[in-house]
Amino acid sequence: MKFVISTQYLENYGAHCEDGKFSSGNAFWKMKGGTDYIVSDLERVQDAIAFVMAKFGTNDISQKEYPVAFRSYDEWEAELDKESVEYADFIRSTAKDVSPLEEAI
């Protein structure tokens, strides 16, 4: 079965010129987009979410990337069918095909 796990990426602008910490008042987080991961070779969406977080997630003082949405591949395609052809083609072209059988974690 295929699942699509969407992530959100955040960047801490406060970590560029200061320490970036909340405790010192230097945290300044901004949403910066994300990625759609098309996950193959797993039977459960929970496993797909955990795989994406383990392989592609980040969590440090300057950046974070974490799963925010999940659905079957067919549901994702149905969502894209409601969009303009150009936008749907762009989203498909930027999605990353991944599999735990091909990625060492």
PDB file of N, CA and C in Angstrom:
ATOM      1  N   MET A   1       0.841  -1.180   0.000  1.00  0.00           N
ATOM      2  CA  MET A   1       0.000   0.000   0.000  1.00  0.00           C
ATOM      3  C   MET A   1       0.888   1.246   0.000  1.00  0.00           C
ATOM      4  N   LYS A   2       0.381   2.329  -0.575  1.00  0.00           N
ATOM      5  CA  LYS A   2       1.115   3.593  -0.587  1.00  0.00           C
ATOM      6  C   LYS A   2       0.385   4.619   0.269  1.00  0.00           C
ATOM      7  N   PHE A   3       1.190   5.396   1.008  1.00  0.00           N
ATOM      8  CA  PHE A   3       0.673   6.499   1.811  1.00  0.00           C
ATOM      9  C   PHE A   3       1.425   7.772   1.433  1.00  0.00           C
ATOM     10  N   VAL A   4       0.786   8.907   1.632  1.00  0.00           N
ATOM     11  CA  VAL A   4       1.464  10.181   1.456  1.00  0.00           C
ATOM     12  C   VAL A   4       1.500  10.869   2.821  1.00  0.00           C
ATOM     13  N   ILE A   5       2.712  11.126   3.267  1.00  0.00           N
ATOM     14  CA  ILE A   5       2.944  11.806   4.536  1.00  0.00           C
ATOM     15  C   ILE A   5       3.467  13.199   4.205  1.00  0.00           C
ATOM     16  N   SER A   6       2.763  14.225   4.656  1.00  0.00           N
ATOM     17  CA  SER A   6       3.172  15.611   4.402  1.00  0.00           C
ATOM     18  C   SER A   6       3.840  16.168   5.643  1.00  0.00           C
ATOM     19  N   THR A   7       4.934  16.878   5.427  1.00  0.00           N
ATOM     20  CA  THR A   7       5.659  17.474   6.545  1.00  0.00           C
ATOM     21  C   THR A   7       5.565  18.997   6.502  1.00  0.00           C
ATOM     22  N   GLN A   8       5.851  19.605   7.644  1.00  0.00           N
ATOM     23  CA  GLN A   8       5.989  21.058   7.763  1.00  0.00           C
ATOM     24  C   GLN A   8       7.430  21.337   8.169  1.00  0.00           C
ATOM     25  N   TYR A   9       8.042  22.314   7.512  1.00  0.00           N
ATOM     26  CA  TYR A   9       9.412  22.720   7.834  1.00  0.00           C
ATOM     27  C   TYR A   9       9.354  24.090   8.498  1.00  0.00           C
ATOM     28  N   LEU A  10      10.063  24.258   9.601  1.00  0.00           N
ATOM     29  CA  LEU A  10      10.187  25.541  10.282  1.00  0.00           C
ATOM     30  C   LEU A  10      11.658  25.902  10.389  1.00  0.00           C
ATOM     31  N   GLU A  11      11.944  27.187  10.256  1.00  0.00           N
ATOM     32  CA  GLU A  11      13.308  27.687  10.403  1.00  0.00           C
ATOM     33  C   GLU A  11      13.327  28.728  11.512  1.00  0.00           C
ATOM     34  N   ASN A  12      14.323  28.653  12.368  1.00  0.00           N
ATOM     35  CA  ASN A  12      14.476  29.593  13.473  1.00  0.00           C
ATOM     36  C   ASN A  12      15.430  30.701  13.060  1.00  0.00           C
ATOM     37  N   TYR A  13      14.878  31.834  12.655  1.00  0.00           N
ATOM     38  CA  TYR A  13      15.710  32.961  12.245  1.00  0.00           C
ATOM     39  C   TYR A  13      16.553  33.480  13.413  1.00  0.00           C
ATOM     40  N   GLY A  14      16.082  33.273  14.628  1.00  0.00           N
ATOM     41  CA  GLY A  14      16.838  33.705  15.800  1.00  0.00           C
ATOM     42  C   GLY A  14      18.138  32.952  15.992  1.00  0.00           C
ATOM     43  N   ALA A  15      18.263  31.779  15.373  1.00  0.00           N
ATOM     44  CA  ALA A  15      19.490  30.986  15.499  1.00  0.00           C
ATOM     45  C   ALA A  15      20.560  31.438  14.514  1.00  0.00           C
ATOM     46  N   HIS A  16      20.212  32.342  13.586  1.00  0.00           N
ATOM     47  CA  HIS A  16      21.193  32.812  12.613  1.00  0.00           C
ATOM     48  C   HIS A  16      22.186  33.805  13.226  1.00  0.00           C
ATOM     49  N   CYS A  17      21.683  34.684  14.080  1.00  0.00           N
ATOM     50  CA  CYS A  17      22.569  35.730  14.610  1.00  0.00           C
ATOM     51  C   CYS A  17      22.623  35.745  16.135  1.00  0.00           C
ATOM     52  N   GLU A  18      21.775  34.978  16.785  1.00  0.00           N
ATOM     53  CA  GLU A  18      21.751  34.880  18.243  1.00  0.00           C
ATOM     54  C   GLU A  18      21.741  33.406  18.614  1.00  0.00           C
ATOM     55  N   ASP A  19      21.411  33.119  19.878  1.00  0.00           N
ATOM     56  CA  ASP A  19      21.393  31.718  20.293  1.00  0.00           C
ATOM     57  C   ASP A  19      20.105  30.993  19.905  1.00  0.00           C
ATOM     58  N   GLY A  20      19.061  31.723  19.491  1.00  0.00           N
ATOM     59  CA  GLY A  20      17.827  31.106  19.020  1.00  0.00           C
ATOM     60  C   GLY A  20      16.948  30.504  20.095  1.00  0.00           C
ATOM     61  N   LYS A  21      17.263  30.743  21.345  1.00  0.00           N
ATOM     62  CA  LYS A  21      16.532  30.111  22.441  1.00  0.00           C
ATOM     63  C   LYS A  21      15.332  30.946  22.886  1.00  0.00           C
ATOM     64  N   PHE A  22      14.268  30.252  23.288  1.00  0.00           N
ATOM     65  CA  PHE A  22      13.105  30.929  23.856  1.00  0.00           C
ATOM     66  C   PHE A  22      13.480  31.614  25.162  1.00  0.00           C
ATOM     67  N   SER A  23      14.318  30.954  25.976  1.00  0.00           N
ATOM     68  CA  SER A  23      14.649  31.476  27.300  1.00  0.00           C
ATOM     69  C   SER A  23      15.380  32.816  27.250  1.00  0.00           C
ATOM     70  N   SER A  24      16.087  33.094  26.150  1.00  0.00           N
ATOM     71  CA  SER A  24      16.785  34.380  26.017  1.00  0.00           C
ATOM     72  C   SER A  24      16.006  35.369  25.150  1.00  0.00           C
ATOM     73  N   GLY A  25      14.819  34.949  24.687  1.00  0.00           N
ATOM     74  CA  GLY A  25      14.001  35.823  23.855  1.00  0.00           C
ATOM     75  C   GLY A  25      14.465  35.923  22.420  1.00  0.00           C
ATOM     76  N   ASN A  26      15.278  34.982  21.988  1.00  0.00           N
ATOM     77  CA  ASN A  26      15.850  35.038  20.638  1.00  0.00           C
ATOM     78  C   ASN A  26      15.233  34.053  19.650  1.00  0.00           C
ATOM     79  N   ALA A  27      14.190  33.333  20.043  1.00  0.00           N
ATOM     80  CA  ALA A  27      13.543  32.401  19.121  1.00  0.00           C
ATOM     81  C   ALA A  27      12.631  33.176  18.170  1.00  0.00           C
ATOM     82  N   PHE A  28      12.729  32.884  16.882  1.00  0.00           N
ATOM     83  CA  PHE A  28      11.863  33.505  15.884  1.00  0.00           C
ATOM     84  C   PHE A  28      11.635  32.490  14.780  1.00  0.00           C
ATOM     85  N   TRP A  29      10.623  31.646  14.976  1.00  0.00           N
ATOM     86  CA  TRP A  29      10.339  30.540  14.072  1.00  0.00           C
ATOM     87  C   TRP A  29       9.423  30.992  12.943  1.00  0.00           C
ATOM     88  N   LYS A  30       9.730  30.519  11.719  1.00  0.00           N
ATOM     89  CA  LYS A  30       8.898  30.818  10.555  1.00  0.00           C
ATOM     90  C   LYS A  30       8.600  29.525   9.800  1.00  0.00           C
ATOM     91  N   MET A  31       7.356  29.416   9.338  1.00  0.00           N
ATOM     92  CA  MET A  31       6.969  28.292   8.492  1.00  0.00           C
ATOM     93  C   MET A  31       7.643  28.469   7.130  1.00  0.00           C
ATOM     94  N   LYS A  32       8.207  27.395   6.607  1.00  0.00           N
ATOM     95  CA  LYS A  32       8.955  27.475   5.345  1.00  0.00           C
ATOM     96  C   LYS A  32       8.553  26.399   4.349  1.00  0.00           C
ATOM     97  N   GLY A  33       7.345  25.895   4.429  1.00  0.00           N
ATOM     98  CA  GLY A  33       6.930  24.870   3.477  1.00  0.00           C
ATOM     99  C   GLY A  33       7.075  23.481   4.046  1.00  0.00           C
ATOM    100  N   GLY A  34       7.186  22.516   3.188  1.00  0.00           N
ATOM    101  CA  GLY A  34       7.299  21.129   3.612  1.00  0.00           C
ATOM    102  C   GLY A  34       7.429  20.226   2.404  1.00  0.00           C
ATOM    103  N   THR A  35       7.291  18.942   2.641  1.00  0.00           N
ATOM    104  CA  THR A  35       7.476  17.949   1.588  1.00  0.00           C
ATOM    105  C   THR A  35       6.377  16.904   1.682  1.00  0.00           C
ATOM    106  N   ASP A  36       5.929  16.417   0.530  1.00  0.00           N
ATOM    107  CA  ASP A  36       5.061  15.249   0.479  1.00  0.00           C
ATOM    108  C   ASP A  36       5.942  14.038   0.204  1.00  0.00           C
ATOM    109  N   TYR A  37       5.896  13.056   1.101  1.00  0.00           N
ATOM    110  CA  TYR A  37       6.638  11.805   0.935  1.00  0.00           C
ATOM    111  C   TYR A  37       5.645  10.708   0.551  1.00  0.00           C
ATOM    112  N   ILE A  38       5.856  10.093  -0.603  1.00  0.00           N
ATOM    113  CA  ILE A  38       5.042   8.965  -1.047  1.00  0.00           C
ATOM    114  C   ILE A  38       5.750   7.709  -0.551  1.00  0.00           C
ATOM    115  N   VAL A  39       5.161   7.080   0.461  1.00  0.00           N
ATOM    116  CA  VAL A  39       5.794   5.952   1.140  1.00  0.00           C
ATOM    117  C   VAL A  39       5.206   4.645   0.620  1.00  0.00           C
ATOM    118  N   SER A  40       6.064   3.785   0.108  1.00  0.00           N
ATOM    119  CA  SER A  40       5.670   2.456  -0.374  1.00  0.00           C
ATOM    120  C   SER A  40       6.166   1.387   0.589  1.00  0.00           C
ATOM    121  N   ASP A  41       5.628   0.188   0.452  1.00  0.00           N
ATOM    122  CA  ASP A  41       6.112  -1.012   1.135  1.00  0.00           C
ATOM    123  C   ASP A  41       5.790  -1.067   2.620  1.00  0.00           C
ATOM    124  N   LEU A  42       4.758  -0.336   3.038  1.00  0.00           N
ATOM    125  CA  LEU A  42       4.267  -0.454   4.409  1.00  0.00           C
ATOM    126  C   LEU A  42       2.759  -0.647   4.360  1.00  0.00           C
ATOM    127  N   GLU A  43       2.225  -1.390   5.322  1.00  0.00           N
ATOM    128  CA  GLU A  43       0.798  -1.703   5.343  1.00  0.00           C
ATOM    129  C   GLU A  43      -0.013  -0.774   6.242  1.00  0.00           C
ATOM    130  N   ARG A  44       0.671  -0.033   7.143  1.00  0.00           N
ATOM    131  CA  ARG A  44      -0.056   0.807   8.095  1.00  0.00           C
ATOM    132  C   ARG A  44       0.436   2.248   8.022  1.00  0.00           C
ATOM    133  N   VAL A  45      -0.517   3.176   8.076  1.00  0.00           N
ATOM    134  CA  VAL A  45      -0.151   4.592   8.000  1.00  0.00           C
ATOM    135  C   VAL A  45       0.723   4.992   9.194  1.00  0.00           C
ATOM    136  N   GLN A  46       0.499   4.380  10.360  1.00  0.00           N
ATOM    137  CA  GLN A  46       1.308   4.702  11.536  1.00  0.00           C
ATOM    138  C   GLN A  46       2.784   4.407  11.278  1.00  0.00           C
ATOM    139  N   ASP A  47       3.049   3.297  10.599  1.00  0.00           N
ATOM    140  CA  ASP A  47       4.427   2.935  10.283  1.00  0.00           C
ATOM    141  C   ASP A  47       5.018   3.914   9.271  1.00  0.00           C
ATOM    142  N   ALA A  48       4.205   4.362   8.320  1.00  0.00           N
ATOM    143  CA  ALA A  48       4.679   5.329   7.330  1.00  0.00           C
ATOM    144  C   ALA A  48       5.029   6.659   7.991  1.00  0.00           C
ATOM    145  N   ILE A  49       4.197   7.110   8.929  1.00  0.00           N
ATOM    146  CA  ILE A  49       4.476   8.354   9.657  1.00  0.00           C
ATOM    147  C   ILE A  49       5.781   8.227  10.436  1.00  0.00           C
ATOM    148  N   ALA A  50       5.926   7.134  11.164  1.00  0.00           N
ATOM    149  CA  ALA A  50       7.137   6.923  11.961  1.00  0.00           C
ATOM    150  C   ALA A  50       8.378   6.835  11.081  1.00  0.00           C
ATOM    151  N   PHE A  51       8.263   6.175   9.934  1.00  0.00           N
ATOM    152  CA  PHE A  51       9.396   6.077   9.006  1.00  0.00           C
ATOM    153  C   PHE A  51       9.815   7.458   8.512  1.00  0.00           C
ATOM    154  N   VAL A  52       8.856   8.258   8.076  1.00  0.00           N
ATOM    155  CA  VAL A  52       9.180   9.602   7.563  1.00  0.00           C
ATOM    156  C   VAL A  52       9.842  10.440   8.660  1.00  0.00           C
ATOM    157  N   MET A  53       9.310  10.393   9.872  1.00  0.00           N
ATOM    158  CA  MET A  53       9.918  11.175  10.957  1.00  0.00           C
ATOM    159  C   MET A  53      11.338  10.695  11.250  1.00  0.00           C
ATOM    160  N   ALA A  54      11.532   9.386  11.299  1.00  0.00           N
ATOM    161  CA  ALA A  54      12.854   8.840  11.609  1.00  0.00           C
ATOM    162  C   ALA A  54      13.878   9.159  10.528  1.00  0.00           C
ATOM    163  N   LYS A  55      13.469   9.090   9.281  1.00  0.00           N
ATOM    164  CA  LYS A  55      14.412   9.265   8.170  1.00  0.00           C
ATOM    165  C   LYS A  55      14.584  10.720   7.757  1.00  0.00           C
ATOM    166  N   PHE A  56      13.511  11.503   7.774  1.00  0.00           N
ATOM    167  CA  PHE A  56      13.564  12.842   7.199  1.00  0.00           C
ATOM    168  C   PHE A  56      13.260  13.961   8.190  1.00  0.00           C
ATOM    169  N   GLY A  57      12.777  13.620   9.365  1.00  0.00           N
ATOM    170  CA  GLY A  57      12.448  14.636  10.358  1.00  0.00           C
ATOM    171  C   GLY A  57      13.688  15.258  10.978  1.00  0.00           C
ATOM    172  N   THR A  58      13.543  16.500  11.407  1.00  0.00           N
ATOM    173  CA  THR A  58      14.615  17.181  12.138  1.00  0.00           C
ATOM    174  C   THR A  58      14.021  17.893  13.339  1.00  0.00           C
ATOM    175  N   ASN A  59      14.853  18.105  14.356  1.00  0.00           N
ATOM    176  CA  ASN A  59      14.403  18.798  15.558  1.00  0.00           C
ATOM    177  C   ASN A  59      15.623  19.350  16.270  1.00  0.00           C
ATOM    178  N   ASP A  60      16.025  20.550  15.886  1.00  0.00           N
ATOM    179  CA  ASP A  60      17.137  21.191  16.579  1.00  0.00           C
ATOM    180  C   ASP A  60      16.871  22.686  16.701  1.00  0.00           C
ATOM    181  N   ILE A  61      17.816  23.422  17.203  1.00  0.00           N
ATOM    182  CA  ILE A  61      17.630  24.836  17.516  1.00  0.00           C
ATOM    183  C   ILE A  61      17.406  25.702  16.279  1.00  0.00           C
ATOM    184  N   SER A  62      17.855  25.259  15.114  1.00  0.00           N
ATOM    185  CA  SER A  62      17.733  26.098  13.925  1.00  0.00           C
ATOM    186  C   SER A  62      16.641  25.648  12.956  1.00  0.00           C
ATOM    187  N   GLN A  63      16.190  24.396  13.072  1.00  0.00           N
ATOM    188  CA  GLN A  63      15.172  23.908  12.136  1.00  0.00           C
ATOM    189  C   GLN A  63      14.413  22.730  12.721  1.00  0.00           C
ATOM    190  N   LYS A  64      13.195  22.568  12.229  1.00  0.00           N
ATOM    191  CA  LYS A  64      12.365  21.436  12.592  1.00  0.00           C
ATOM    192  C   LYS A  64      11.598  21.018  11.350  1.00  0.00           C
ATOM    193  N   GLU A  65      11.433  19.728  11.153  1.00  0.00           N
ATOM    194  CA  GLU A  65      10.564  19.198  10.114  1.00  0.00           C
ATOM    195  C   GLU A  65       9.873  17.977  10.697  1.00  0.00           C
ATOM    196  N   TYR A  66       8.547  17.952  10.571  1.00  0.00           N
ATOM    197  CA  TYR A  66       7.776  16.907  11.215  1.00  0.00           C
ATOM    198  C   TYR A  66       6.499  16.650  10.420  1.00  0.00           C
ATOM    199  N   PRO A  67       5.938  15.436  10.526  1.00  0.00           N
ATOM    200  CA  PRO A  67       4.699  15.117   9.814  1.00  0.00           C
ATOM    201  C   PRO A  67       3.522  15.929  10.353  1.00  0.00           C
ATOM    202  N   VAL A  68       2.692  16.423   9.420  1.00  0.00           N
ATOM    203  CA  VAL A  68       1.496  17.183   9.813  1.00  0.00           C
ATOM    204  C   VAL A  68       0.219  16.631   9.181  1.00  0.00           C
ATOM    205  N   ALA A  69       0.331  15.819   8.151  1.00  0.00           N
ATOM    206  CA  ALA A  69      -0.850  15.261   7.496  1.00  0.00           C
ATOM    207  C   ALA A  69      -0.497  13.912   6.891  1.00  0.00           C
ATOM    208  N   PHE A  70      -1.504  13.049   6.802  1.00  0.00           N
ATOM    209  CA  PHE A  70      -1.285  11.734   6.214  1.00  0.00           C
ATOM    210  C   PHE A  70      -2.573  11.258   5.572  1.00  0.00           C
ATOM    211  N   ARG A  71      -2.413  10.530   4.479  1.00  0.00           N
ATOM    212  CA  ARG A  71      -3.536   9.948   3.763  1.00  0.00           C
ATOM    213  C   ARG A  71      -3.021   8.872   2.826  1.00  0.00           C
ATOM    214  N   SER A  72      -3.956   8.114   2.286  1.00  0.00           N
ATOM    215  CA  SER A  72      -3.561   7.106   1.314  1.00  0.00           C
ATOM    216  C   SER A  72      -3.136   7.817   0.025  1.00  0.00           C
ATOM    217  N   TYR A  73      -2.414   7.114  -0.793  1.00  0.00           N
ATOM    218  CA  TYR A  73      -1.998   7.677  -2.079  1.00  0.00           C
ATOM    219  C   TYR A  73      -3.219   8.036  -2.927  1.00  0.00           C
ATOM    220  N   ASP A  74      -4.236   7.196  -2.910  1.00  0.00           N
ATOM    221  CA  ASP A  74      -5.446   7.468  -3.693  1.00  0.00           C
ATOM    222  C   ASP A  74      -6.156   8.733  -3.201  1.00  0.00           C
ATOM    223  N   GLU A  75      -6.208   8.923  -1.890  1.00  0.00           N
ATOM    224  CA  GLU A  75      -6.817  10.152  -1.347  1.00  0.00           C
ATOM    225  C   GLU A  75      -6.030  11.387  -1.768  1.00  0.00           C
ATOM    226  N   TRP A  76      -4.704  11.279  -1.739  1.00  0.00           N
ATOM    227  CA  TRP A  76      -3.834  12.393  -2.163  1.00  0.00           C
ATOM    228  C   TRP A  76      -4.096  12.735  -3.617  1.00  0.00           C
ATOM    229  N   GLU A  77      -4.161  11.710  -4.469  1.00  0.00           N
ATOM    230  CA  GLU A  77      -4.438  11.932  -5.889  1.00  0.00           C
ATOM    231  C   GLU A  77      -5.813  12.577  -6.087  1.00  0.00           C
ATOM    232  N   ALA A  78      -6.803  12.144  -5.325  1.00  0.00           N
ATOM    233  CA  ALA A  78      -8.143  12.725  -5.431  1.00  0.00           C
ATOM    234  C   ALA A  78      -8.121  14.207  -5.042  1.00  0.00           C
ATOM    235  N   GLU A  79      -7.323  14.559  -4.022  1.00  0.00           N
ATOM    236  CA  GLU A  79      -7.168  15.970  -3.644  1.00  0.00           C
ATOM    237  C   GLU A  79      -6.549  16.768  -4.781  1.00  0.00           C
ATOM    238  N   LEU A  80      -5.526  16.200  -5.413  1.00  0.00           N
ATOM    239  CA  LEU A  80      -4.845  16.899  -6.504  1.00  0.00           C
ATOM    240  C   LEU A  80      -5.748  17.072  -7.716  1.00  0.00           C
ATOM    241  N   ASP A  81      -6.653  16.131  -7.932  1.00  0.00           N
ATOM    242  CA  ASP A  81      -7.578  16.227  -9.061  1.00  0.00           C
ATOM    243  C   ASP A  81      -8.497  17.438  -8.943  1.00  0.00           C
ATOM    244  N   LYS A  82      -8.649  17.983  -7.740  1.00  0.00           N
ATOM    245  CA  LYS A  82      -9.494  19.159  -7.518  1.00  0.00           C
ATOM    246  C   LYS A  82      -8.750  20.465  -7.792  1.00  0.00           C
ATOM    247  N   GLU A  83      -7.435  20.376  -7.988  1.00  0.00           N
ATOM    248  CA  GLU A  83      -6.600  21.552  -8.196  1.00  0.00           C
ATOM    249  C   GLU A  83      -6.406  21.818  -9.690  1.00  0.00           C
ATOM    250  N   SER A  84      -5.791  22.957  -9.988  1.00  0.00           N
ATOM    251  CA  SER A  84      -5.458  23.236 -11.385  1.00  0.00           C
ATOM    252  C   SER A  84      -4.415  22.216 -11.854  1.00  0.00           C
ATOM    253  N   VAL A  85      -4.392  21.974 -13.129  1.00  0.00           N
ATOM    254  CA  VAL A  85      -3.446  21.007 -13.698  1.00  0.00           C
ATOM    255  C   VAL A  85      -2.014  21.431 -13.394  1.00  0.00           C
ATOM    256  N   GLU A  86      -1.710  22.708 -13.519  1.00  0.00           N
ATOM    257  CA  GLU A  86      -0.345  23.195 -13.285  1.00  0.00           C
ATOM    258  C   GLU A  86       0.085  22.972 -11.839  1.00  0.00           C
ATOM    259  N   TYR A  87      -0.806  23.297 -10.892  1.00  0.00           N
ATOM    260  CA  TYR A  87      -0.469  23.123  -9.480  1.00  0.00           C
ATOM    261  C   TYR A  87      -0.321  21.641  -9.144  1.00  0.00           C
ATOM    262  N   ALA A  88      -1.238  20.820  -9.623  1.00  0.00           N
ATOM    263  CA  ALA A  88      -1.168  19.386  -9.355  1.00  0.00           C
ATOM    264  C   ALA A  88       0.118  18.786  -9.924  1.00  0.00           C
ATOM    265  N   ASP A  89       0.491  19.200 -11.119  1.00  0.00           N
ATOM    266  CA  ASP A  89       1.733  18.708 -11.722  1.00  0.00           C
ATOM    267  C   ASP A  89       2.945  19.136 -10.903  1.00  0.00           C
ATOM    268  N   PHE A  90       2.918  20.368 -10.392  1.00  0.00           N
ATOM    269  CA  PHE A  90       4.022  20.848  -9.551  1.00  0.00           C
ATOM    270  C   PHE A  90       4.128  20.009  -8.274  1.00  0.00           C
ATOM    271  N   ILE A  91       3.012  19.780  -7.602  1.00  0.00           N
ATOM    272  CA  ILE A  91       3.026  18.994  -6.356  1.00  0.00           C
ATOM    273  C   ILE A  91       3.523  17.577  -6.636  1.00  0.00           C
ATOM    274  N   ARG A  92       3.052  16.969  -7.703  1.00  0.00           N
ATOM    275  CA  ARG A  92       3.530  15.617  -8.049  1.00  0.00           C
ATOM    276  C   ARG A  92       5.031  15.608  -8.335  1.00  0.00           C
ATOM    277  N   SER A  93       5.519  16.655  -9.005  1.00  0.00           N
ATOM    278  CA  SER A  93       6.943  16.698  -9.370  1.00  0.00           C
ATOM    279  C   SER A  93       7.852  16.927  -8.171  1.00  0.00           C
ATOM    280  N   THR A  94       7.333  17.514  -7.100  1.00  0.00           N
ATOM    281  CA  THR A  94       8.171  17.779  -5.925  1.00  0.00           C
ATOM    282  C   THR A  94       8.039  16.712  -4.843  1.00  0.00           C
ATOM    283  N   ALA A  95       7.037  15.843  -4.955  1.00  0.00           N
ATOM    284  CA  ALA A  95       6.878  14.759  -3.980  1.00  0.00           C
ATOM    285  C   ALA A  95       8.049  13.792  -4.097  1.00  0.00           C
ATOM    286  N   LYS A  96       8.415  13.205  -2.972  1.00  0.00           N
ATOM    287  CA  LYS A  96       9.547  12.271  -2.937  1.00  0.00           C
ATOM    288  C   LYS A  96       9.035  10.851  -2.714  1.00  0.00           C
ATOM    289  N   ASP A  97       9.399   9.944  -3.627  1.00  0.00           N
ATOM    290  CA  ASP A  97       9.070   8.523  -3.474  1.00  0.00           C
ATOM    291  C   ASP A  97      10.108   7.886  -2.565  1.00  0.00           C
ATOM    292  N   VAL A  98       9.634   7.271  -1.474  1.00  0.00           N
ATOM    293  CA  VAL A  98      10.543   6.646  -0.508  1.00  0.00           C
ATOM    294  C   VAL A  98       9.999   5.295  -0.077  1.00  0.00           C
ATOM    295  N   SER A  99      10.879   4.458   0.426  1.00  0.00           N
ATOM    296  CA  SER A  99      10.506   3.143   0.922  1.00  0.00           C
ATOM    297  C   SER A  99      11.488   2.729   2.007  1.00  0.00           C
ATOM    298  N   PRO A 100      11.001   2.147   3.093  1.00  0.00           N
ATOM    299  CA  PRO A 100      11.925   1.660   4.126  1.00  0.00           C
ATOM    300  C   PRO A 100      12.801   0.517   3.630  1.00  0.00           C
ATOM    301  N   LEU A 101      12.388  -0.131   2.547  1.00  0.00           N
ATOM    302  CA  LEU A 101      13.200  -1.216   1.991  1.00  0.00           C
ATOM    303  C   LEU A 101      14.408  -0.673   1.223  1.00  0.00           C
ATOM    304  N   GLU A 102      14.346   0.604   0.849  1.00  0.00           N
ATOM    305  CA  GLU A 102      15.434   1.220   0.089  1.00  0.00           C
ATOM    306  C   GLU A 102      16.235   2.241   0.907  1.00  0.00           C
ATOM    307  N   GLU A 103      15.731   2.598   2.077  1.00  0.00           N
ATOM    308  CA  GLU A 103      16.358   3.629   2.907  1.00  0.00           C
ATOM    309  C   GLU A 103      16.850   3.001   4.205  1.00  0.00           C
ATOM    310  N   ALA A 104      18.096   3.136   4.490  1.00  0.00           N
ATOM    311  CA  ALA A 104      18.634   2.628   5.749  1.00  0.00           C
ATOM    312  C   ALA A 104      18.344   3.627   6.866  1.00  0.00           C
ATOM    313  N   ILE A 105      17.724   3.144   7.941  1.00  0.00           N
ATOM    314  CA  ILE A 105      17.497   4.003   9.119  1.00  0.00           C
ATOM    315  C   ILE A 105      17.904   3.270  10.370  1.00  0.00           C
TER     316      ILE A 105
END
